[in-house]
Amino acid sequence: MLVGAVVLGVPAGPVLRDKNSLTGIGIMIGTAVAAAAAGAWKIHSSIPWRTAVAALLGGVLMGISARMAGGCNIGAYLGGISTGSLHGRLWGVFALGGTWLGLRLRPLFGLANSAPSVSSC
């Protein structure tokens, strides 16, 4: 019997017994509670359907990608780079490619790209 085995990033046991799944669920519940406590909890009914589809598709792809990569950008990219591993460099190349593709797909969902001169730094 395989207990705690992982196949393609999917835990073999129940989701509610997997610590990574529980962490993600806890983060979502915690943010909902914090938003409700701050009075910022609102259901937006005026979101365009293309924007909602883009957000849903992006979230699903990020979740699948994080499971396939063995973690988030800290574990998969920075951890790999700091140990001199090839997977960290590959992660960086594919992250840049995904960013480029995402920027090209944004107009299909009715989302604008910010101007190159806009910076938060």
Protein backbone atom coordinates (compact mmCIF):
# COMPACT_ATOMS: atom_id res chain seq x y z
CA MET A 1 0.00 0.00 0.00
CA LEU A 2 1.33 3.39 -0.95
CA VAL A 3 0.86 5.92 1.80
CA GLY A 4 1.93 9.46 1.08
CA ALA A 5 3.30 8.54 -2.34
CA VAL A 6 3.16 11.21 -4.99
CA VAL A 7 2.46 10.45 -8.65
CA LEU A 8 2.88 13.40 -11.03
CA GLY A 9 2.51 15.80 -8.13
CA VAL A 10 -0.82 14.37 -6.97
CA PRO A 11 -0.88 12.93 -3.43
CA ALA A 12 -1.92 9.27 -3.22
CA GLY A 13 -4.01 9.78 -0.08
CA PRO A 14 -7.05 11.91 0.64
CA VAL A 15 -6.70 15.62 -0.07
CA LEU A 16 -7.64 16.57 3.49
CA ARG A 17 -4.70 14.52 4.80
CA ASP A 18 -2.13 16.17 2.55
CA LYS A 19 -0.27 18.99 4.30
CA ASN A 20 0.22 21.00 1.11
CA SER A 21 -3.49 20.84 0.27
CA LEU A 22 -4.41 21.83 3.81
CA THR A 23 -1.99 24.77 3.63
CA GLY A 24 -3.63 26.02 0.43
CA ILE A 25 -7.13 25.57 1.83
CA GLY A 26 -6.08 27.36 5.03
CA ILE A 27 -4.68 30.29 3.07
CA MET A 28 -7.94 30.67 1.13
CA ILE A 29 -10.07 30.48 4.28
CA GLY A 30 -7.73 32.89 6.09
CA THR A 31 -7.93 35.45 3.31
CA ALA A 32 -11.71 35.19 3.21
CA VAL A 33 -11.92 35.72 6.98
CA ALA A 34 -9.50 38.67 6.83
CA ALA A 35 -11.44 40.28 3.95
CA ALA A 36 -14.72 39.81 5.80
CA ALA A 37 -13.25 41.27 9.01
CA ALA A 38 -11.96 44.29 7.09
CA GLY A 39 -15.34 44.83 5.44
CA ALA A 40 -13.81 44.25 2.00
CA TRP A 41 -15.71 41.04 1.22
CA LYS A 42 -17.81 41.71 -1.88
CA ILE A 43 -19.18 39.57 -4.64
CA HIS A 44 -18.51 41.45 -7.84
CA SER A 45 -21.28 40.86 -10.33
CA SER A 46 -19.95 43.35 -12.85
CA ILE A 47 -16.84 41.38 -13.84
CA PRO A 48 -16.80 40.75 -17.60
CA TRP A 49 -17.10 37.06 -18.45
CA ARG A 50 -13.81 37.05 -20.38
CA THR A 51 -11.97 38.42 -17.33
CA ALA A 52 -13.58 35.77 -15.11
CA VAL A 53 -12.59 33.02 -17.55
CA ALA A 54 -9.02 34.36 -17.68
CA ALA A 55 -8.80 34.43 -13.88
CA LEU A 56 -10.20 30.91 -13.55
CA LEU A 57 -7.96 29.52 -16.28
CA GLY A 58 -4.90 31.28 -14.83
CA GLY A 59 -5.60 29.96 -11.34
CA VAL A 60 -6.05 26.38 -12.56
CA LEU A 61 -2.85 26.56 -14.63
CA MET A 62 -0.90 28.01 -11.70
CA GLY A 63 -2.14 25.28 -9.39
CA ILE A 64 -1.28 22.49 -11.81
CA SER A 65 2.10 24.07 -12.57
CA ALA A 66 2.98 24.47 -8.89
CA ARG A 67 2.23 20.79 -8.28
CA MET A 68 4.26 19.71 -11.32
CA ALA A 69 7.20 21.95 -10.40
CA GLY A 70 7.40 20.57 -6.89
CA GLY A 71 6.48 23.83 -5.23
CA CYS A 72 6.31 27.54 -5.71
CA ASN A 73 8.94 29.86 -7.15
CA ILE A 74 10.90 29.82 -3.91
CA GLY A 75 11.31 26.04 -3.81
CA ALA A 76 11.47 25.30 -7.51
CA TYR A 77 13.38 28.30 -8.86
CA LEU A 78 15.40 29.93 -6.10
CA GLY A 79 16.12 26.63 -4.35
CA GLY A 80 17.28 25.12 -7.63
CA ILE A 81 19.45 28.09 -8.57
CA SER A 82 21.08 28.29 -5.14
CA THR A 83 22.06 24.61 -5.25
CA GLY A 84 23.35 24.83 -8.83
CA SER A 85 20.69 22.48 -10.16
CA LEU A 86 19.63 22.46 -13.79
CA HIS A 87 15.91 22.37 -12.87
CA GLY A 88 16.11 25.88 -11.36
CA ARG A 89 17.46 27.30 -14.58
CA LEU A 90 14.89 25.43 -16.65
CA TRP A 91 12.16 26.75 -14.33
CA GLY A 92 13.39 30.29 -14.97
CA VAL A 93 13.41 29.84 -18.75
CA PHE A 94 9.88 28.43 -18.76
CA ALA A 95 8.67 31.13 -16.35
CA LEU A 96 9.91 33.82 -18.74
CA GLY A 97 8.29 32.00 -21.67
CA GLY A 98 5.02 31.71 -19.75
CA THR A 99 5.13 35.39 -18.87
CA TRP A 100 5.68 36.32 -22.52
CA LEU A 101 2.81 34.07 -23.61
CA GLY A 102 0.54 35.40 -20.87
CA LEU A 103 1.16 38.99 -21.91
CA ARG A 104 0.29 38.10 -25.51
CA LEU A 105 -2.94 36.35 -24.45
CA ARG A 106 -4.24 39.12 -22.15
CA PRO A 107 -5.96 41.08 -24.96
CA LEU A 108 -7.97 37.96 -25.88
CA PHE A 109 -9.60 38.21 -22.45
CA GLY A 110 -10.21 41.95 -22.62
CA LEU A 111 -7.31 42.78 -20.29
CA ALA A 112 -4.87 45.60 -21.04
CA ASN A 113 -1.13 45.40 -20.57
CA SER A 114 0.42 48.20 -18.56
CA ALA A 115 2.69 50.68 -20.31
CA PRO A 116 6.43 49.86 -20.26
CA SER A 117 7.12 53.13 -18.42
CA VAL A 118 4.86 52.13 -15.51
CA SER A 119 6.93 50.79 -12.65
CA SER A 120 6.34 50.00 -9.01
CA CYS A 121 10.04 50.31 -8.13
